[in-house]
PDB file of N, CA and C in Angstrom:
ATOM      1  N   UNK A   1       0.851  -1.181   0.000  1.00  0.00           N
ATOM      2  CA  UNK A   1       0.000   0.000   0.000  1.00  0.00           C
ATOM      3  C   UNK A   1       0.895   1.241   0.000  1.00  0.00           C
ATOM      4  N   UNK A   2       0.546   2.235  -0.809  1.00  0.00           N
ATOM      5  CA  UNK A   2       1.364   3.450  -0.889  1.00  0.00           C
ATOM      6  C   UNK A   2       1.005   4.419   0.231  1.00  0.00           C
ATOM      7  N   UNK A   3       1.902   5.334   0.495  1.00  0.00           N
ATOM      8  CA  UNK A   3       1.670   6.337   1.527  1.00  0.00           C
ATOM      9  C   UNK A   3       0.455   7.189   1.187  1.00  0.00           C
ATOM     10  N   UNK A   4       0.296   7.568  -0.083  1.00  0.00           N
ATOM     11  CA  UNK A   4      -0.853   8.382  -0.481  1.00  0.00           C
ATOM     12  C   UNK A   4      -2.165   7.650  -0.202  1.00  0.00           C
ATOM     13  N   UNK A   5      -2.200   6.357  -0.463  1.00  0.00           N
ATOM     14  CA  UNK A   5      -3.412   5.576  -0.192  1.00  0.00           C
ATOM     15  C   UNK A   5      -3.676   5.531   1.306  1.00  0.00           C
ATOM     16  N   UNK A   6      -2.632   5.377   2.087  1.00  0.00           N
ATOM     17  CA  UNK A   6      -2.787   5.355   3.546  1.00  0.00           C
ATOM     18  C   UNK A   6      -3.289   6.705   4.061  1.00  0.00           C
ATOM     19  N   UNK A   7      -2.778   7.785   3.498  1.00  0.00           N
ATOM     20  CA  UNK A   7      -3.226   9.120   3.906  1.00  0.00           C
ATOM     21  C   UNK A   7      -4.689   9.310   3.544  1.00  0.00           C
ATOM     22  N   UNK A   8      -5.069   8.898   2.331  1.00  0.00           N
ATOM     23  CA  UNK A   8      -6.475   8.992   1.923  1.00  0.00           C
ATOM     24  C   UNK A   8      -7.364   8.215   2.889  1.00  0.00           C
ATOM     25  N   UNK A   9      -6.958   7.024   3.245  1.00  0.00           N
ATOM     26  CA  UNK A   9      -7.752   6.198   4.162  1.00  0.00           C
ATOM     27  C   UNK A   9      -7.879   6.885   5.521  1.00  0.00           C
ATOM     28  N   UNK A  10      -6.793   7.480   5.998  1.00  0.00           N
ATOM     29  CA  UNK A  10      -6.828   8.171   7.283  1.00  0.00           C
ATOM     30  C   UNK A  10      -7.752   9.385   7.223  1.00  0.00           C
ATOM     31  N   UNK A  11      -7.714  10.114   6.132  1.00  0.00           N
ATOM     32  CA  UNK A  11      -8.578  11.293   5.982  1.00  0.00           C
ATOM     33  C   UNK A  11     -10.043  10.883   6.023  1.00  0.00           C
ATOM     34  N   UNK A  12     -10.352   9.760   5.400  1.00  0.00           N
ATOM     35  CA  UNK A  12     -11.744   9.298   5.381  1.00  0.00           C
ATOM     36  C   UNK A  12     -12.268   8.947   6.774  1.00  0.00           C
ATOM     37  N   UNK A  13     -11.374   8.685   7.721  1.00  0.00           N
ATOM     38  CA  UNK A  13     -11.811   8.352   9.080  1.00  0.00           C
ATOM     39  C   UNK A  13     -12.016   9.587   9.952  1.00  0.00           C
ATOM     40  N   UNK A  14     -11.636  10.759   9.479  1.00  0.00           N
ATOM     41  CA  UNK A  14     -11.755  11.973  10.274  1.00  0.00           C
ATOM     42  C   UNK A  14     -13.210  12.392  10.443  1.00  0.00           C
ATOM     43  N   UNK A  15     -13.480  13.056  11.564  1.00  0.00           N
ATOM     44  CA  UNK A  15     -14.811  13.623  11.774  1.00  0.00           C
ATOM     45  C   UNK A  15     -14.985  14.824  10.852  1.00  0.00           C
ATOM     46  N   UNK A  16     -16.209  15.282  10.733  1.00  0.00           N
ATOM     47  CA  UNK A  16     -16.490  16.436   9.861  1.00  0.00           C
ATOM     48  C   UNK A  16     -15.686  17.657  10.306  1.00  0.00           C
ATOM     49  N   UNK A  17     -15.604  17.912  11.605  1.00  0.00           N
ATOM     50  CA  UNK A  17     -14.871  19.091  12.078  1.00  0.00           C
ATOM     51  C   UNK A  17     -13.372  18.934  11.841  1.00  0.00           C
ATOM     52  N   UNK A  18     -12.855  17.712  11.978  1.00  0.00           N
ATOM     53  CA  UNK A  18     -11.438  17.488  11.692  1.00  0.00           C
ATOM     54  C   UNK A  18     -11.140  17.663  10.207  1.00  0.00           C
ATOM     55  N   UNK A  19     -12.077  17.240   9.361  1.00  0.00           N
ATOM     56  CA  UNK A  19     -11.897  17.413   7.910  1.00  0.00           C
ATOM     57  C   UNK A  19     -11.925  18.895   7.544  1.00  0.00           C
ATOM     58  N   UNK A  20     -12.814  19.670   8.165  1.00  0.00           N
ATOM     59  CA  UNK A  20     -12.871  21.111   7.913  1.00  0.00           C
ATOM     60  C   UNK A  20     -11.556  21.776   8.314  1.00  0.00           C
ATOM     61  N   UNK A  21     -11.005  21.377   9.466  1.00  0.00           N
ATOM     62  CA  UNK A  21      -9.722  21.922   9.908  1.00  0.00           C
ATOM     63  C   UNK A  21      -8.627  21.549   8.906  1.00  0.00           C
ATOM     64  N   UNK A  22      -8.650  20.322   8.425  1.00  0.00           N
ATOM     65  CA  UNK A  22      -7.663  19.879   7.445  1.00  0.00           C
ATOM     66  C   UNK A  22      -7.753  20.714   6.166  1.00  0.00           C
ATOM     67  N   UNK A  23      -8.964  20.990   5.719  1.00  0.00           N
ATOM     68  CA  UNK A  23      -9.154  21.797   4.513  1.00  0.00           C
ATOM     69  C   UNK A  23      -8.556  23.192   4.715  1.00  0.00           C
ATOM     70  N   UNK A  24      -8.752  23.772   5.897  1.00  0.00           N
ATOM     71  CA  UNK A  24      -8.183  25.101   6.185  1.00  0.00           C
ATOM     72  C   UNK A  24      -6.663  25.070   6.256  1.00  0.00           C
ATOM     73  N   UNK A  25      -6.110  24.007   6.849  1.00  0.00           N
ATOM     74  CA  UNK A  25      -4.663  23.938   7.107  1.00  0.00           C
ATOM     75  C   UNK A  25      -3.853  23.352   5.957  1.00  0.00           C
ATOM     76  N   UNK A  26      -4.485  22.615   5.078  1.00  0.00           N
ATOM     77  CA  UNK A  26      -3.751  21.892   4.039  1.00  0.00           C
ATOM     78  C   UNK A  26      -2.915  22.790   3.117  1.00  0.00           C
ATOM     79  N   UNK A  27      -3.379  23.979   2.732  1.00  0.00           N
ATOM     80  CA  UNK A  27      -2.529  24.815   1.873  1.00  0.00           C
ATOM     81  C   UNK A  27      -1.181  25.171   2.514  1.00  0.00           C
ATOM     82  N   UNK A  28      -1.108  25.196   3.838  1.00  0.00           N
ATOM     83  CA  UNK A  28       0.175  25.459   4.505  1.00  0.00           C
ATOM     84  C   UNK A  28       1.085  24.236   4.436  1.00  0.00           C
ATOM     85  N   UNK A  29       0.478  23.057   4.327  1.00  0.00           N
ATOM     86  CA  UNK A  29       1.251  21.809   4.256  1.00  0.00           C
ATOM     87  C   UNK A  29       1.624  21.500   2.802  1.00  0.00           C
ATOM     88  N   UNK A  30       0.658  21.649   1.907  1.00  0.00           N
ATOM     89  CA  UNK A  30       0.870  21.403   0.478  1.00  0.00           C
ATOM     90  C   UNK A  30       0.878  22.757  -0.224  1.00  0.00           C
ATOM     91  N   UNK A  31       2.042  23.341  -0.354  1.00  0.00           N
ATOM     92  CA  UNK A  31       2.155  24.695  -0.881  1.00  0.00           C
ATOM     93  C   UNK A  31       1.571  24.837  -2.280  1.00  0.00           C
ATOM     94  N   UNK A  32       1.521  23.742  -3.037  1.00  0.00           N
ATOM     95  CA  UNK A  32       0.953  23.828  -4.380  1.00  0.00           C
ATOM     96  C   UNK A  32      -0.549  24.109  -4.363  1.00  0.00           C
ATOM     97  N   UNK A  33      -1.194  23.993  -3.199  1.00  0.00           N
ATOM     98  CA  UNK A  33      -2.615  24.324  -3.083  1.00  0.00           C
ATOM     99  C   UNK A  33      -2.839  25.811  -2.838  1.00  0.00           C
ATOM    100  N   UNK A  34      -1.790  26.535  -2.490  1.00  0.00           N
ATOM    101  CA  UNK A  34      -1.888  27.964  -2.220  1.00  0.00           C
ATOM    102  C   UNK A  34      -1.723  28.703  -3.539  1.00  0.00           C
ATOM    103  N   UNK A  35      -2.831  29.145  -4.124  1.00  0.00           N
ATOM    104  CA  UNK A  35      -2.801  29.797  -5.429  1.00  0.00           C
ATOM    105  C   UNK A  35      -1.909  31.023  -5.474  1.00  0.00           C
ATOM    106  N   UNK A  36      -1.936  31.842  -4.421  1.00  0.00           N
ATOM    107  CA  UNK A  36      -1.087  33.036  -4.403  1.00  0.00           C
ATOM    108  C   UNK A  36       0.384  32.657  -4.403  1.00  0.00           C
ATOM    109  N   UNK A  37       0.739  31.641  -3.637  1.00  0.00           N
ATOM    110  CA  UNK A  37       2.140  31.203  -3.593  1.00  0.00           C
ATOM    111  C   UNK A  37       2.556  30.623  -4.941  1.00  0.00           C
ATOM    112  N   UNK A  38       1.645  29.903  -5.574  1.00  0.00           N
ATOM    113  CA  UNK A  38       1.962  29.327  -6.889  1.00  0.00           C
ATOM    114  C   UNK A  38       2.225  30.434  -7.902  1.00  0.00           C
ATOM    115  N   UNK A  39       1.373  31.467  -7.903  1.00  0.00           N
ATOM    116  CA  UNK A  39       1.596  32.580  -8.828  1.00  0.00           C
ATOM    117  C   UNK A  39       2.881  33.315  -8.501  1.00  0.00           C
ATOM    118  N   UNK A  40       3.193  33.471  -7.219  1.00  0.00           N
ATOM    119  CA  UNK A  40       4.431  34.155  -6.835  1.00  0.00           C
ATOM    120  C   UNK A  40       5.642  33.381  -7.356  1.00  0.00           C
ATOM    121  N   UNK A  41       5.597  32.041  -7.283  1.00  0.00           N
ATOM    122  CA  UNK A  41       6.703  31.235  -7.822  1.00  0.00           C
ATOM    123  C   UNK A  41       6.827  31.433  -9.334  1.00  0.00           C
ATOM    124  N   UNK A  42       5.696  31.528 -10.025  1.00  0.00           N
ATOM    125  CA  UNK A  42       5.726  31.757 -11.472  1.00  0.00           C
ATOM    126  C   UNK A  42       6.325  33.128 -11.766  1.00  0.00           C
ATOM    127  N   UNK A  43       5.889  34.138 -11.031  1.00  0.00           N
ATOM    128  CA  UNK A  43       6.375  35.502 -11.244  1.00  0.00           C
ATOM    129  C   UNK A  43       7.874  35.598 -10.996  1.00  0.00           C
ATOM    130  N   UNK A  44       8.343  34.929  -9.954  1.00  0.00           N
ATOM    131  CA  UNK A  44       9.752  35.020  -9.573  1.00  0.00           C
ATOM    132  C   UNK A  44      10.659  34.056 -10.332  1.00  0.00           C
ATOM    133  N   UNK A  45      10.082  33.153 -11.104  1.00  0.00           N
ATOM    134  CA  UNK A  45      10.880  32.176 -11.843  1.00  0.00           C
ATOM    135  C   UNK A  45      11.698  32.893 -12.921  1.00  0.00           C
ATOM    136  N   UNK A  46      13.028  32.782 -12.861  1.00  0.00           N
ATOM    137  CA  UNK A  46      13.853  33.491 -13.845  1.00  0.00           C
ATOM    138  C   UNK A  46      13.873  32.833 -15.232  1.00  0.00           C
ATOM    139  N   UNK A  47      13.372  31.620 -15.325  1.00  0.00           N
ATOM    140  CA  UNK A  47      13.381  30.916 -16.614  1.00  0.00           C
ATOM    141  C   UNK A  47      12.443  31.614 -17.596  1.00  0.00           C
ATOM    142  N   UNK A  48      12.823  31.681 -18.868  1.00  0.00           N
ATOM    143  CA  UNK A  48      11.945  32.299 -19.868  1.00  0.00           C
ATOM    144  C   UNK A  48      10.629  31.526 -20.002  1.00  0.00           C
ATOM    145  N   UNK A  49       9.571  32.266 -20.225  1.00  0.00           N
ATOM    146  CA  UNK A  49       8.244  31.670 -20.432  1.00  0.00           C
ATOM    147  C   UNK A  49       7.663  32.263 -21.708  1.00  0.00           C
ATOM    148  N   UNK A  50       8.136  31.794 -22.866  1.00  0.00           N
ATOM    149  CA  UNK A  50       7.724  32.427 -24.119  1.00  0.00           C
ATOM    150  C   UNK A  50       6.215  32.383 -24.373  1.00  0.00           C
ATOM    151  N   UNK A  51       5.570  31.297 -24.025  1.00  0.00           N
ATOM    152  CA  UNK A  51       4.125  31.214 -24.277  1.00  0.00           C
ATOM    153  C   UNK A  51       3.369  32.202 -23.388  1.00  0.00           C
ATOM    154  N   UNK A  52       3.752  32.294 -22.114  1.00  0.00           N
ATOM    155  CA  UNK A  52       3.098  33.230 -21.201  1.00  0.00           C
ATOM    156  C   UNK A  52       3.385  34.666 -21.631  1.00  0.00           C
ATOM    157  N   UNK A  53       4.614  34.942 -22.030  1.00  0.00           N
ATOM    158  CA  UNK A  53       4.975  36.289 -22.485  1.00  0.00           C
ATOM    159  C   UNK A  53       4.190  36.662 -23.748  1.00  0.00           C
ATOM    160  N   UNK A  54       4.058  35.735 -24.684  1.00  0.00           N
ATOM    161  CA  UNK A  54       3.302  35.992 -25.914  1.00  0.00           C
ATOM    162  C   UNK A  54       1.836  36.257 -25.595  1.00  0.00           C
ATOM    163  N   UNK A  55       1.284  35.501 -24.657  1.00  0.00           N
ATOM    164  CA  UNK A  55      -0.107  35.686 -24.248  1.00  0.00           C
ATOM    165  C   UNK A  55      -0.297  37.073 -23.635  1.00  0.00           C
ATOM    166  N   UNK A  56       0.605  37.463 -22.727  1.00  0.00           N
ATOM    167  CA  UNK A  56       0.521  38.780 -22.094  1.00  0.00           C
ATOM    168  C   UNK A  56       0.688  39.887 -23.127  1.00  0.00           C
ATOM    169  N   UNK A  57       1.597  39.705 -24.077  1.00  0.00           N
ATOM    170  CA  UNK A  57       1.799  40.700 -25.133  1.00  0.00           C
ATOM    171  C   UNK A  57       0.547  40.850 -25.992  1.00  0.00           C
ATOM    172  N   UNK A  58      -0.112  39.743 -26.302  1.00  0.00           N
ATOM    173  CA  UNK A  58      -1.331  39.785 -27.110  1.00  0.00           C
ATOM    174  C   UNK A  58      -2.445  40.534 -26.375  1.00  0.00           C
ATOM    175  N   UNK A  59      -2.575  40.266 -25.077  1.00  0.00           N
ATOM    176  CA  UNK A  59      -3.586  40.969 -24.281  1.00  0.00           C
ATOM    177  C   UNK A  59      -3.269  42.458 -24.233  1.00  0.00           C
ATOM    178  N   UNK A  60      -1.998  42.795 -24.015  1.00  0.00           N
ATOM    179  CA  UNK A  60      -1.604  44.201 -23.954  1.00  0.00           C
ATOM    180  C   UNK A  60      -1.864  44.910 -25.281  1.00  0.00           C
ATOM    181  N   UNK A  61      -1.578  44.252 -26.395  1.00  0.00           N
ATOM    182  CA  UNK A  61      -1.827  44.838 -27.710  1.00  0.00           C
ATOM    183  C   UNK A  61      -3.322  45.079 -27.917  1.00  0.00           C
ATOM    184  N   UNK A  62      -4.132  44.124 -27.501  1.00  0.00           N
ATOM    185  CA  UNK A  62      -5.585  44.271 -27.637  1.00  0.00           C
ATOM    186  C   UNK A  62      -6.089  45.397 -26.740  1.00  0.00           C
ATOM    187  N   UNK A  63      -5.539  45.508 -25.548  1.00  0.00           N
ATOM    188  CA  UNK A  63      -5.921  46.583 -24.625  1.00  0.00           C
ATOM    189  C   UNK A  63      -5.575  47.948 -25.212  1.00  0.00           C
ATOM    190  N   UNK A  64      -4.429  48.044 -25.860  1.00  0.00           N
ATOM    191  CA  UNK A  64      -4.034  49.312 -26.469  1.00  0.00           C
ATOM    192  C   UNK A  64      -4.905  49.633 -27.690  1.00  0.00           C
ATOM    193  N   UNK A  65      -5.301  48.597 -28.410  1.00  0.00           N
ATOM    194  CA  UNK A  65      -6.134  48.788 -29.606  1.00  0.00           C
ATOM    195  C   UNK A  65      -7.552  49.186 -29.223  1.00  0.00           C
ATOM    196  N   UNK A  66      -8.088  48.570 -28.157  1.00  0.00           N
ATOM    197  CA  UNK A  66      -9.464  48.828 -27.701  1.00  0.00           C
ATOM    198  C   UNK A  66      -9.459  49.146 -26.203  1.00  0.00           C
ATOM    199  N   UNK A  67      -8.974  50.306 -25.802  1.00  0.00           N
ATOM    200  CA  UNK A  67      -8.809  50.593 -24.382  1.00  0.00           C
ATOM    201  C   UNK A  67     -10.106  50.517 -23.570  1.00  0.00           C
ATOM    202  N   UNK A  68     -11.230  50.838 -24.173  1.00  0.00           N
ATOM    203  CA  UNK A  68     -12.489  50.793 -23.434  1.00  0.00           C
ATOM    204  C   UNK A  68     -13.030  49.398 -23.207  1.00  0.00           C
ATOM    205  N   UNK A  69     -12.470  48.410 -23.874  1.00  0.00           N
ATOM    206  CA  UNK A  69     -12.981  47.043 -23.777  1.00  0.00           C
ATOM    207  C   UNK A  69     -12.523  46.330 -22.508  1.00  0.00           C
ATOM    208  N   UNK A  70     -11.557  46.906 -21.816  1.00  0.00           N
ATOM    209  CA  UNK A  70     -11.004  46.265 -20.626  1.00  0.00           C
ATOM    210  C   UNK A  70     -11.229  47.172 -19.426  1.00  0.00           C
ATOM    211  N   UNK A  71     -12.220  46.870 -18.626  1.00  0.00           N
ATOM    212  CA  UNK A  71     -12.469  47.694 -17.453  1.00  0.00           C
ATOM    213  C   UNK A  71     -11.510  47.307 -16.335  1.00  0.00           C
ATOM    214  N   UNK A  72     -11.243  48.248 -15.453  1.00  0.00           N
ATOM    215  CA  UNK A  72     -10.351  47.994 -14.328  1.00  0.00           C
ATOM    216  C   UNK A  72     -11.020  47.035 -13.353  1.00  0.00           C
ATOM    217  N   UNK A  73     -10.272  46.066 -12.880  1.00  0.00           N
ATOM    218  CA  UNK A  73     -10.788  45.105 -11.912  1.00  0.00           C
ATOM    219  C   UNK A  73     -10.539  45.653 -10.515  1.00  0.00           C
ATOM    220  N   UNK A  74     -11.570  45.567  -9.671  1.00  0.00           N
ATOM    221  CA  UNK A  74     -11.466  46.039  -8.291  1.00  0.00           C
ATOM    222  C   UNK A  74     -11.571  44.840  -7.347  1.00  0.00           C
ATOM    223  N   UNK A  75     -11.066  44.985  -6.147  1.00  0.00           N
ATOM    224  CA  UNK A  75     -11.164  43.919  -5.150  1.00  0.00           C
ATOM    225  C   UNK A  75     -12.612  43.482  -4.959  1.00  0.00           C
ATOM    226  N   UNK A  76     -13.527  44.432  -4.992  1.00  0.00           N
ATOM    227  CA  UNK A  76     -14.944  44.115  -4.755  1.00  0.00           C
ATOM    228  C   UNK A  76     -15.523  43.208  -5.840  1.00  0.00           C
ATOM    229  N   UNK A  77     -14.875  43.151  -7.006  1.00  0.00           N
ATOM    230  CA  UNK A  77     -15.350  42.244  -8.060  1.00  0.00           C
ATOM    231  C   UNK A  77     -15.273  40.792  -7.635  1.00  0.00           C
ATOM    232  N   UNK A  78     -14.456  40.505  -6.627  1.00  0.00           N
ATOM    233  CA  UNK A  78     -14.283  39.135  -6.174  1.00  0.00           C
ATOM    234  C   UNK A  78     -15.112  38.799  -4.946  1.00  0.00           C
ATOM    235  N   UNK A  79     -15.894  39.763  -4.477  1.00  0.00           N
ATOM    236  CA  UNK A  79     -16.759  39.526  -3.317  1.00  0.00           C
ATOM    237  C   UNK A  79     -17.867  38.553  -3.705  1.00  0.00           C
ATOM    238  N   UNK A  80     -18.203  37.674  -2.800  1.00  0.00           N
ATOM    239  CA  UNK A  80     -19.300  36.737  -3.018  1.00  0.00           C
ATOM    240  C   UNK A  80     -20.622  37.458  -2.803  1.00  0.00           C
ATOM    241  N   UNK A  81     -21.534  37.394  -3.768  1.00  0.00           N
ATOM    242  CA  UNK A  81     -22.815  38.075  -3.574  1.00  0.00           C
ATOM    243  C   UNK A  81     -23.580  37.444  -2.412  1.00  0.00           C
ATOM    244  N   UNK A  82     -24.378  38.259  -1.715  1.00  0.00           N
ATOM    245  CA  UNK A  82     -25.130  37.722  -0.547  1.00  0.00           C
ATOM    246  C   UNK A  82     -26.154  36.692  -0.926  1.00  0.00           C
TER     247      UNK A  82
END
């Protein structure tokens, strides 16, 4: 039996409150679950990313061509509606 299978089996035995705590704490244990940290690693990676750079350049060119088509994003845009 692999360690991952054993971990899955152990998780299945947890109570609902223990599982909720695990969900909250897991991004600190598995850094790849932390979206902000993942993006920070991408941003700080010194290796060239030609596909990402080309994509960003295309978006920037479109924004310059049609400036009104891209509205500014605000923090409140990510708020969950009531």
